[in-house]
Amino acid sequence: MTASHSGAFVFFGATGDLAYKQIFPALQAMIRHGNLDLPIIGVAKSGLNLNQLRDRARDSLQKHGGLYADAFAKLSARLQYVNGDYHDDATYEQLRRALGNAVRPMHYLAIPPSMFESVIQGLAKSGCARDARVVVEKPFGRDLASAQLLNRTLHKSFAEDAIFRIDHYLGKEAVENLLYFRFANTFLEPVWCRDHVASVQITMAEQMGVQGRGAFYEEVGAIRDVVQNHMLQVMTLLTMEPPMDGGADAMRDEKSRVLSAMRPLVPAEVVRGQFRGYLDEAGVSPASQVETFAALRLRIDNARWSGVPFYIRAGKQLPVTCTEVMIELKPPAHAVFDVDGPAQSNYFRFRLSPDVLISVGARTKVPGELMVGTAAELIAHHRLHDEMMPYERLLGDAMRGDAALFTRGDAVEAAWRVVDPVLGNAAPVVGYEPDTWGPAAAEQIMAGGDQWHNPAPEGASP
């Protein structure tokens, strides 16, 4: 354990859904891999005792990732439990005693954002926030004003470098691979700019609907759920300038700069859709105007990307479940050979899920006397048999104080500034049939003859 490592892990909401599905499996994985040897303190108001919390942890692991006897025994031995109300000073005094002499404790707020202020005040008043770290789960607000309020609340008791805003999407191996590929390969830099890139598309498609979570989805919609966070974060990885080094500050500085250069959206650049049948979901208002699909055209006003259209599309009840990036390059300035069929430029294609691949679109000559070509794709396919779970990676980084994969407060606010003008009903919602690529109106935001690239099912050719 290094000098900057957290000396204890505290998670509020220890009996909640997030702890059950993600935190207990991540903690067991960290123990299995030799990366966790410190007190683990759960906090909740549930009426459970410590043995009952251990039973819940066991049940969690049996359902999410598997139970490993040796690792679970160590997890159980390190696990403590504070049962108390988040509004009661006695809860935090009990936590203070449980922490003992632990330095730099890490407090994970796996609770609704409405409870953040009470917990942060309790931590500060009891001394538990002194020289400590805090982890908060997305969503980081639901618009610009609430994000700014959340940041002010956090900054009352924690410095920015002690705040870790966790977005599990940034802990995925495929997303990290995108970042590495971008900056570890010399051949990309000369063409990674407005002189050679014609357009960029990012699609996050889901075949499933809201799966019984209609009431939740009514509060968010596609733009808040995945566009403002996951998809804009992928866009920053594609478009940020090379950082000075791989350190957290340098990386996050460049992310903030490119987010600040993104032009705020206007309703004419957004199409909102809702799949037929959404109104029949439990918890959904019969007159709901919440979008289950969003297509957007974005611009970046800087020297590298000025004039390049960026298209983002996300939706439910689409033909495939897939996240894919397509970077279309401009055609050669001078055509030496005739093209058999429609002209096609080169491209880079990144599939981030469910399978992971990086491919380059090129043209090769067709055998024979004539100098004619055909489209070909060069593919590097990654088989992630032993991929680290996102929460394992992110919790480990936070405990070490490594903030590179966490979102900084200024970047959160910059992302909200981009989407804030089109939240709510700024653009009308239009219906689309399940198992289609959304409403036909999505074609209207394409510029200069661009067309959507529809990802193929896993294993099929694009």
Protein backbone atom coordinates (compact mmCIF):
# COMPACT_ATOMS: atom_id res chain seq x y z
CA MET A 1 0.00 0.00 0.00
CA THR A 2 1.44 3.37 -1.03
CA ALA A 3 1.54 6.49 1.13
CA SER A 4 -1.39 7.98 -0.79
CA HIS A 5 -3.57 4.85 -0.63
CA SER A 6 -6.88 5.00 1.21
CA GLY A 7 -6.77 3.29 4.58
CA ALA A 8 -10.44 2.28 4.67
CA PHE A 9 -13.36 1.85 2.29
CA VAL A 10 -16.78 3.10 3.41
CA PHE A 11 -19.88 2.61 1.30
CA PHE A 12 -23.17 4.28 2.10
CA GLY A 13 -26.14 2.37 0.73
CA ALA A 14 -24.61 -0.96 1.75
CA THR A 15 -27.94 -2.79 1.48
CA GLY A 16 -28.97 -1.14 -1.80
CA ASP A 17 -29.14 -2.35 -5.38
CA LEU A 18 -25.82 -0.86 -6.52
CA ALA A 19 -23.92 -2.51 -3.67
CA TYR A 20 -25.67 -5.82 -4.39
CA LYS A 21 -24.98 -5.84 -8.14
CA GLN A 22 -21.64 -4.03 -8.42
CA ILE A 23 -19.79 -3.16 -5.23
CA PHE A 24 -19.65 -6.56 -3.51
CA PRO A 25 -18.51 -8.32 -6.73
CA ALA A 26 -15.86 -5.64 -7.28
CA LEU A 27 -14.57 -5.91 -3.71
CA GLN A 28 -14.28 -9.69 -3.95
CA ALA A 29 -12.44 -9.38 -7.28
CA MET A 30 -9.99 -6.89 -5.78
CA ILE A 31 -9.28 -9.28 -2.90
CA ARG A 32 -8.81 -12.20 -5.32
CA HIS A 33 -6.26 -10.17 -7.27
CA GLY A 34 -4.40 -9.02 -4.15
CA ASN A 35 -5.49 -5.38 -4.46
CA LEU A 36 -7.55 -4.89 -1.31
CA ASP A 37 -6.32 -5.23 2.25
CA LEU A 38 -8.13 -2.67 4.40
CA PRO A 39 -11.26 -2.27 6.53
CA ILE A 40 -14.57 -2.31 4.62
CA ILE A 41 -17.42 -0.47 6.35
CA GLY A 42 -20.98 -0.57 5.08
CA VAL A 43 -23.45 2.10 6.19
CA ALA A 44 -27.23 1.90 5.79
CA LYS A 45 -30.48 2.17 7.69
CA SER A 46 -31.92 -1.29 7.22
CA GLY A 47 -32.23 -2.96 10.61
CA LEU A 48 -29.79 -5.66 9.51
CA ASN A 49 -26.89 -6.79 11.64
CA LEU A 50 -23.38 -7.61 10.46
CA ASN A 51 -24.07 -11.32 9.92
CA GLN A 52 -27.12 -10.48 7.84
CA LEU A 53 -25.06 -8.07 5.73
CA ARG A 54 -22.52 -10.85 5.17
CA ASP A 55 -25.36 -13.13 4.07
CA ARG A 56 -26.52 -10.47 1.64
CA ALA A 57 -22.98 -10.13 0.29
CA ARG A 58 -22.80 -13.91 -0.21
CA ASP A 59 -26.10 -13.88 -2.09
CA SER A 60 -24.89 -10.96 -4.20
CA LEU A 61 -21.76 -12.84 -5.26
CA GLN A 62 -23.62 -16.03 -6.04
CA LYS A 63 -25.81 -14.10 -8.47
CA HIS A 64 -23.23 -11.65 -9.85
CA GLY A 65 -19.91 -13.11 -10.87
CA GLY A 66 -19.57 -16.16 -8.65
CA LEU A 67 -18.58 -16.89 -5.06
CA TYR A 68 -14.90 -17.62 -4.36
CA ALA A 69 -14.58 -19.16 -0.91
CA ASP A 70 -11.13 -17.85 0.07
CA ALA A 71 -11.78 -14.31 -1.20
CA PHE A 72 -15.23 -14.20 0.38
CA ALA A 73 -13.80 -15.33 3.73
CA LYS A 74 -11.37 -12.39 3.62
CA LEU A 75 -14.14 -10.02 2.57
CA SER A 76 -16.32 -11.20 5.45
CA ALA A 77 -13.50 -10.78 7.95
CA ARG A 78 -12.86 -7.19 6.86
CA LEU A 79 -16.51 -6.21 6.61
CA GLN A 80 -18.03 -3.99 9.32
CA TYR A 81 -21.48 -2.48 9.44
CA VAL A 82 -22.95 0.78 10.75
CA ASN A 83 -26.75 0.72 10.92
CA GLY A 84 -28.15 4.23 11.21
CA ASP A 85 -30.09 7.12 9.76
CA TYR A 86 -28.16 9.43 7.42
CA HIS A 87 -29.70 12.44 9.18
CA ASP A 88 -28.58 11.31 12.68
CA ASP A 89 -25.28 12.58 14.11
CA ALA A 90 -24.95 9.31 16.03
CA THR A 91 -24.51 7.41 12.75
CA TYR A 92 -21.39 9.40 11.88
CA GLU A 93 -19.99 9.16 15.40
CA GLN A 94 -20.32 5.39 15.14
CA LEU A 95 -18.57 5.53 11.76
CA ARG A 96 -15.82 7.68 13.23
CA ARG A 97 -15.15 5.00 15.87
CA ALA A 98 -15.20 2.25 13.25
CA LEU A 99 -12.61 4.09 11.16
CA GLY A 100 -10.18 4.24 14.08
CA ASN A 101 -6.81 5.53 12.86
CA ALA A 102 -7.46 4.90 9.17
CA VAL A 103 -5.99 7.64 6.96
CA ARG A 104 -7.55 8.95 3.75
CA PRO A 105 -10.76 6.91 4.10
CA MET A 106 -12.76 6.65 0.90
CA HIS A 107 -16.51 7.29 1.23
CA TYR A 108 -18.58 5.87 -1.62
CA LEU A 109 -22.04 7.48 -1.79
CA ALA A 110 -24.03 4.65 -3.41
CA ILE A 111 -27.22 6.52 -2.54
CA PRO A 112 -29.65 8.87 -4.34
CA PRO A 113 -28.23 12.37 -4.99
CA SER A 114 -30.99 13.84 -2.80
CA MET A 115 -29.18 12.37 0.22
CA PHE A 116 -25.70 13.66 -0.68
CA GLU A 117 -25.92 16.92 1.24
CA SER A 118 -27.01 15.28 4.51
CA VAL A 119 -24.26 12.65 4.28
CA ILE A 120 -21.55 15.14 3.37
CA GLN A 121 -22.59 17.41 6.25
CA GLY A 122 -22.56 14.43 8.62
CA LEU A 123 -19.09 13.38 7.46
CA ALA A 124 -17.75 16.90 7.90
CA LYS A 125 -19.31 17.49 11.32
CA SER A 126 -17.98 14.19 12.70
CA GLY A 127 -14.47 14.65 11.31
CA CYS A 128 -14.86 11.69 8.91
CA ALA A 129 -14.31 13.99 5.92
CA ARG A 130 -10.90 15.18 7.14
CA ASP A 131 -8.18 14.14 4.66
CA ALA A 132 -10.73 11.80 3.07
CA ARG A 133 -11.98 11.01 -0.42
CA VAL A 134 -15.53 10.83 -1.68
CA VAL A 135 -16.93 8.85 -4.62
CA VAL A 136 -20.26 9.82 -6.18
CA GLU A 137 -22.18 7.85 -8.76
CA LYS A 138 -23.66 9.27 -11.95
CA PRO A 139 -25.95 11.05 -12.69
CA PHE A 140 -24.00 14.17 -11.77
CA GLY A 141 -27.08 16.36 -11.77
CA ARG A 142 -29.93 16.37 -14.27
CA ASP A 143 -29.11 19.70 -15.94
CA LEU A 144 -26.49 22.44 -15.70
CA ALA A 145 -28.02 24.17 -12.67
CA SER A 146 -28.31 20.97 -10.60
CA ALA A 147 -24.78 19.90 -11.59
CA GLN A 148 -23.43 23.24 -10.39
CA LEU A 149 -25.36 22.85 -7.12
CA LEU A 150 -23.98 19.32 -6.64
CA ASN A 151 -20.43 20.55 -7.19
CA ARG A 152 -20.90 23.34 -4.65
CA THR A 153 -22.24 20.82 -2.13
CA LEU A 154 -19.25 18.52 -2.62
CA HIS A 155 -16.73 21.36 -2.46
CA LYS A 156 -18.00 22.47 0.95
CA SER A 157 -16.17 19.54 2.54
CA PHE A 158 -13.90 18.01 -0.13
CA ALA A 159 -11.25 19.47 -2.41
CA GLU A 160 -11.70 18.72 -6.12
CA ASP A 161 -8.75 16.31 -6.13
CA ALA A 162 -10.49 14.29 -3.39
CA ILE A 163 -13.76 13.94 -5.37
CA PHE A 164 -14.15 10.94 -7.68
CA ARG A 165 -17.21 11.04 -9.96
CA ILE A 166 -17.60 7.45 -11.04
CA ASP A 167 -18.99 6.58 -14.47
CA HIS A 168 -18.58 2.83 -14.95
CA TYR A 169 -18.45 3.29 -18.73
CA LEU A 170 -14.98 4.88 -18.48
CA GLY A 171 -13.71 1.76 -16.69
CA LYS A 172 -14.53 -0.56 -19.57
CA GLU A 173 -11.54 -2.19 -21.27
CA ALA A 174 -12.89 -1.33 -24.72
CA VAL A 175 -13.11 2.38 -23.90
CA GLU A 176 -9.58 2.39 -22.49
CA ASN A 177 -8.43 0.59 -25.63
CA LEU A 178 -9.87 3.41 -27.74
CA LEU A 179 -7.86 5.95 -25.76
CA TYR A 180 -4.68 3.87 -26.07
CA PHE A 181 -5.10 3.30 -29.81
CA ARG A 182 -5.62 7.00 -30.36
CA PHE A 183 -2.39 8.16 -28.73
CA ALA A 184 -0.03 5.18 -29.04
CA ASN A 185 0.01 5.02 -32.87
CA THR A 186 1.98 7.58 -34.87
CA PHE A 187 0.16 6.94 -38.15
CA LEU A 188 -3.12 8.37 -36.79
CA GLU A 189 -2.02 11.89 -35.89
CA PRO A 190 -1.47 13.25 -39.46
CA VAL A 191 -5.02 12.30 -40.54
CA TRP A 192 -6.83 12.92 -37.22
CA CYS A 193 -8.09 16.39 -38.07
CA ARG A 194 -10.43 18.44 -40.24
CA ASP A 195 -8.13 18.16 -43.28
CA HIS A 196 -8.79 14.42 -43.60
CA VAL A 197 -11.84 13.53 -41.47
CA ALA A 198 -15.17 14.01 -43.23
CA SER A 199 -17.45 13.07 -40.32
CA VAL A 200 -17.65 11.09 -37.08
CA GLN A 201 -20.56 8.93 -35.92
CA ILE A 202 -21.11 7.38 -32.49
CA THR A 203 -24.01 4.95 -32.09
CA MET A 204 -25.15 3.32 -28.86
CA ALA A 205 -27.98 0.95 -29.78
CA GLU A 206 -29.99 -1.32 -27.50
CA GLN A 207 -32.42 -3.99 -28.63
CA MET A 208 -34.13 -4.01 -25.23
CA GLY A 209 -36.75 -1.54 -24.06
CA VAL A 210 -36.99 -0.09 -20.56
CA GLN A 211 -37.39 -3.56 -18.98
CA GLY A 212 -39.93 -2.63 -16.34
CA ARG A 213 -38.07 0.54 -15.35
CA GLY A 214 -40.57 2.93 -16.89
CA ALA A 215 -40.84 5.14 -13.81
CA PHE A 216 -37.05 5.57 -13.75
CA TYR A 217 -36.83 6.29 -17.46
CA GLU A 218 -39.55 8.91 -17.19
CA GLU A 219 -37.11 10.89 -15.03
CA VAL A 220 -34.18 10.70 -17.45
CA GLY A 221 -34.72 9.90 -21.13
CA ALA A 222 -32.00 9.00 -23.61
CA ILE A 223 -30.15 12.34 -23.56
CA ARG A 224 -29.71 12.40 -19.79
CA ASP A 225 -29.24 8.63 -19.51
CA VAL A 226 -26.38 8.07 -21.96
CA VAL A 227 -25.70 11.03 -24.27
CA GLN A 228 -24.59 13.67 -21.74
CA ASN A 229 -22.24 11.24 -20.00
CA HIS A 230 -21.19 8.03 -21.79
CA MET A 231 -21.36 9.29 -25.35
CA LEU A 232 -19.86 12.72 -24.80
CA GLN A 233 -17.04 11.04 -22.86
CA VAL A 234 -16.32 8.76 -25.84
CA MET A 235 -16.38 11.86 -28.03
CA THR A 236 -13.78 13.57 -25.83
CA LEU A 237 -11.46 10.57 -26.16
CA LEU A 238 -11.75 10.79 -29.93
CA THR A 239 -11.25 14.55 -30.17
CA MET A 240 -9.10 15.79 -27.29
CA GLU A 241 -5.59 17.06 -27.94
CA PRO A 242 -2.67 14.83 -26.92
CA PRO A 243 -2.09 15.33 -23.19
CA MET A 244 1.38 16.22 -21.96
CA ASP A 245 1.58 12.82 -20.29
CA GLY A 246 -0.64 9.99 -19.08
CA GLY A 247 -1.26 11.61 -15.70
CA ALA A 248 -4.72 12.37 -14.43
CA ASP A 249 -4.38 16.16 -14.50
CA ALA A 250 -3.06 16.30 -18.06
CA MET A 251 -5.71 13.90 -19.32
CA ARG A 252 -8.58 15.70 -17.62
CA ASP A 253 -7.32 19.13 -18.71
CA GLU A 254 -7.59 18.12 -22.37
CA LYS A 255 -11.02 16.56 -21.89
CA SER A 256 -12.29 19.78 -20.34
CA ARG A 257 -10.81 21.89 -23.14
CA VAL A 258 -12.49 19.96 -25.93
CA LEU A 259 -15.82 19.83 -24.07
CA SER A 260 -15.64 23.61 -23.65
CA ALA A 261 -15.05 23.92 -27.41
CA MET A 262 -18.23 21.97 -28.24
CA ARG A 263 -20.98 24.24 -29.49
CA PRO A 264 -24.19 24.06 -27.37
CA LEU A 265 -26.92 22.17 -29.19
CA VAL A 266 -29.96 23.81 -30.72
CA PRO A 267 -33.31 22.06 -31.29
CA ALA A 268 -32.79 21.96 -35.08
CA GLU A 269 -29.77 19.69 -34.53
CA VAL A 270 -31.69 17.16 -32.42
CA VAL A 271 -34.27 14.49 -33.21
CA ARG A 272 -36.06 12.86 -30.27
CA GLY A 273 -37.95 9.61 -30.75
CA GLN A 274 -40.12 7.28 -28.68
CA PHE A 275 -40.71 3.63 -29.59
CA ARG A 276 -44.25 2.43 -30.14
CA GLY A 277 -45.33 0.64 -26.99
CA TYR A 278 -43.38 2.80 -24.53
CA LEU A 279 -46.61 4.40 -23.30
CA ASP A 280 -47.87 0.93 -22.29
CA GLU A 281 -44.95 0.39 -19.90
CA ALA A 282 -45.71 0.40 -16.17
CA GLY A 283 -44.84 3.73 -14.57
CA VAL A 284 -44.98 5.65 -17.84
CA SER A 285 -47.36 8.57 -18.21
CA PRO A 286 -49.99 8.04 -20.96
CA ALA A 287 -49.02 11.44 -22.33
CA SER A 288 -45.25 11.01 -21.89
CA GLN A 289 -42.96 13.09 -24.10
CA VAL A 290 -39.78 11.38 -22.83
CA GLU A 291 -37.40 10.28 -25.57
CA THR A 292 -36.19 6.68 -25.88
CA PHE A 293 -34.11 7.68 -28.91
CA ALA A 294 -31.98 10.72 -29.64
CA ALA A 295 -29.96 11.73 -32.68
CA LEU A 296 -27.78 14.85 -32.52
CA ARG A 297 -25.36 16.78 -34.70
CA LEU A 298 -22.53 18.47 -32.80
CA ARG A 299 -19.74 20.84 -33.76
CA ILE A 300 -16.37 21.57 -32.15
CA ASP A 301 -15.07 25.08 -32.58
CA ASN A 302 -11.31 24.60 -32.54
CA ALA A 303 -8.49 24.41 -35.05
CA ARG A 304 -8.44 20.61 -35.27
CA TRP A 305 -12.15 19.95 -35.78
CA SER A 306 -13.81 23.12 -37.10
CA GLY A 307 -16.26 22.20 -39.85
CA VAL A 308 -16.38 18.45 -39.10
CA PRO A 309 -19.88 17.19 -38.22
CA PHE A 310 -20.17 14.80 -35.27
CA TYR A 311 -23.28 12.64 -35.14
CA ILE A 312 -24.43 10.93 -31.96
CA ARG A 313 -27.29 8.45 -31.87
CA ALA A 314 -28.66 6.44 -28.96
CA GLY A 315 -31.86 4.50 -28.54
CA LYS A 316 -33.82 1.56 -27.24
CA GLN A 317 -35.73 -1.06 -29.24
CA LEU A 318 -33.25 -0.77 -32.12
CA PRO A 319 -32.24 -3.71 -34.37
CA VAL A 320 -29.02 -4.61 -32.51
CA THR A 321 -27.31 -4.05 -29.17
CA CYS A 322 -24.03 -2.42 -30.03
CA THR A 323 -21.84 0.61 -29.41
CA GLU A 324 -19.80 1.65 -32.42
CA VAL A 325 -17.74 4.60 -33.64
CA MET A 326 -17.26 5.35 -37.35
CA ILE A 327 -14.69 7.92 -38.49
CA GLU A 328 -15.21 8.59 -42.18
CA LEU A 329 -12.17 10.00 -44.03
CA LYS A 330 -12.35 12.28 -47.04
CA PRO A 331 -11.79 10.68 -50.46
CA PRO A 332 -8.45 11.16 -52.21
CA ALA A 333 -8.03 14.68 -53.58
CA HIS A 334 -7.08 13.25 -56.99
CA ALA A 335 -8.71 10.08 -58.34
CA VAL A 336 -6.10 8.03 -60.21
CA PHE A 337 -8.27 4.96 -60.79
CA ASP A 338 -11.88 4.52 -61.71
CA VAL A 339 -14.10 3.27 -58.89
CA ASP A 340 -16.36 0.32 -59.63
CA GLY A 341 -19.62 1.45 -58.07
CA PRO A 342 -20.23 4.35 -55.66
CA ALA A 343 -17.15 6.14 -54.43
CA GLN A 344 -16.13 5.08 -50.94
CA SER A 345 -13.62 6.75 -48.70
CA ASN A 346 -11.43 5.11 -46.10
CA TYR A 347 -12.62 4.87 -42.50
CA PHE A 348 -11.76 3.76 -38.99
CA ARG A 349 -14.38 1.71 -37.16
CA PHE A 350 -14.29 1.04 -33.41
CA ARG A 351 -16.76 -1.41 -31.93
CA LEU A 352 -16.86 -1.01 -28.16
CA SER A 353 -19.55 -3.59 -27.36
CA PRO A 354 -20.66 -6.33 -27.27
CA ASP A 355 -17.56 -7.60 -29.08
CA VAL A 356 -14.48 -5.36 -29.32
CA LEU A 357 -12.70 -4.59 -32.56
CA ILE A 358 -10.74 -1.92 -34.37
CA SER A 359 -10.91 -1.91 -38.15
CA VAL A 360 -9.68 0.13 -41.09
CA GLY A 361 -11.71 0.46 -44.27
CA ALA A 362 -9.63 0.46 -47.45
CA ARG A 363 -9.85 -0.35 -51.16
CA THR A 364 -7.98 -3.21 -52.82
CA LYS A 365 -7.63 -4.18 -56.47
CA VAL A 366 -9.93 -6.82 -57.94
CA PRO A 367 -7.89 -9.60 -59.63
CA GLY A 368 -7.76 -9.20 -63.38
CA GLU A 369 -6.53 -6.88 -66.10
CA LEU A 370 -8.59 -3.88 -65.18
CA MET A 371 -7.46 -1.42 -62.49
CA VAL A 372 -10.65 -1.55 -60.49
CA GLY A 373 -11.04 -2.06 -56.80
CA THR A 374 -13.37 -3.23 -54.10
CA ALA A 375 -13.97 -2.34 -50.49
CA ALA A 376 -12.01 -4.28 -47.86
CA GLU A 377 -11.77 -4.07 -44.09
CA LEU A 378 -8.70 -4.83 -42.01
CA ILE A 379 -9.83 -5.97 -38.56
CA ALA A 380 -8.09 -6.37 -35.20
CA HIS A 381 -10.48 -8.37 -33.00
CA HIS A 382 -10.01 -8.39 -29.24
CA ARG A 383 -11.18 -11.33 -27.15
CA LEU A 384 -11.54 -10.07 -23.59
CA HIS A 385 -11.65 -13.39 -21.76
CA ASP A 386 -10.22 -12.01 -18.51
CA GLU A 387 -11.42 -8.42 -18.63
CA MET A 388 -11.28 -6.50 -15.37
CA MET A 389 -14.72 -5.43 -14.20
CA PRO A 390 -15.20 -1.65 -14.58
CA TYR A 391 -16.01 -1.19 -10.88
CA GLU A 392 -12.95 -3.19 -9.84
CA ARG A 393 -10.73 -0.97 -11.98
CA LEU A 394 -12.36 2.29 -10.88
CA LEU A 395 -12.51 1.50 -7.16
CA GLY A 396 -8.87 0.46 -7.23
CA ASP A 397 -7.88 3.69 -8.97
CA ALA A 398 -9.87 5.81 -6.50
CA MET A 399 -8.27 4.08 -3.51
CA ARG A 400 -4.86 4.89 -4.99
CA GLY A 401 -5.88 8.48 -5.66
CA ASP A 402 -5.60 8.05 -9.45
CA ALA A 403 -8.32 10.25 -10.97
CA ALA A 404 -7.52 9.75 -14.69
CA LEU A 405 -10.72 7.76 -15.38
CA PHE A 406 -12.97 10.00 -13.28
CA THR A 407 -14.80 13.09 -14.47
CA ARG A 408 -13.74 16.45 -13.09
CA GLY A 409 -16.30 19.00 -11.98
CA ASP A 410 -15.59 21.51 -14.76
CA ALA A 411 -15.96 18.77 -17.40
CA VAL A 412 -19.32 17.73 -15.94
CA GLU A 413 -20.60 21.29 -16.21
CA ALA A 414 -19.16 21.71 -19.71
CA ALA A 415 -21.00 18.58 -20.88
CA TRP A 416 -24.27 19.85 -19.42
CA ARG A 417 -23.76 23.19 -21.23
CA VAL A 418 -23.70 21.27 -24.52
CA VAL A 419 -27.03 19.45 -23.98
CA ASP A 420 -28.84 21.87 -21.65
CA PRO A 421 -30.56 23.84 -24.44
CA VAL A 422 -32.29 20.70 -25.80
CA LEU A 423 -33.41 19.03 -22.57
CA GLY A 424 -37.11 18.49 -21.96
CA ASN A 425 -39.41 19.23 -24.88
CA ALA A 426 -37.22 21.71 -26.75
CA ALA A 427 -37.47 19.38 -29.75
CA PRO A 428 -40.69 17.42 -30.43
CA VAL A 429 -40.76 13.68 -29.79
CA VAL A 430 -41.76 11.51 -32.77
CA GLY A 431 -42.70 7.84 -32.77
CA TYR A 432 -40.75 4.98 -34.31
CA GLU A 433 -41.40 1.28 -34.71
CA PRO A 434 -39.45 -1.22 -32.58
CA ASP A 435 -36.61 -3.02 -34.37
CA THR A 436 -35.95 -0.03 -36.65
CA TRP A 437 -33.19 2.57 -36.55
CA GLY A 438 -35.41 5.22 -35.03
CA PRO A 439 -37.62 7.84 -36.65
CA ALA A 440 -37.03 8.75 -40.28
CA ALA A 441 -36.56 12.35 -39.16
CA ALA A 442 -33.10 11.38 -37.85
CA GLU A 443 -31.87 11.58 -41.45
CA GLN A 444 -32.66 15.29 -41.50
CA ILE A 445 -29.78 16.25 -39.22
CA MET A 446 -27.21 14.70 -41.56
CA ALA A 447 -25.18 17.35 -43.39
CA GLY A 448 -23.79 17.43 -46.91
CA GLY A 449 -25.14 14.08 -48.09
CA ASP A 450 -23.89 12.15 -45.02
CA GLN A 451 -25.77 8.98 -44.11
CA TRP A 452 -26.07 7.02 -40.90
CA HIS A 453 -23.88 3.95 -40.59
CA ASN A 454 -26.01 1.20 -39.07
CA PRO A 455 -23.88 -1.28 -37.09
CA ALA A 456 -24.23 -4.88 -38.19
CA PRO A 457 -25.13 -7.65 -35.71
CA GLU A 458 -22.21 -9.20 -33.84
CA GLY A 459 -20.13 -11.39 -36.10
CA ALA A 460 -21.67 -10.01 -39.32
CA SER A 461 -19.88 -7.87 -41.88
CA PRO A 462 -20.56 -4.12 -41.67
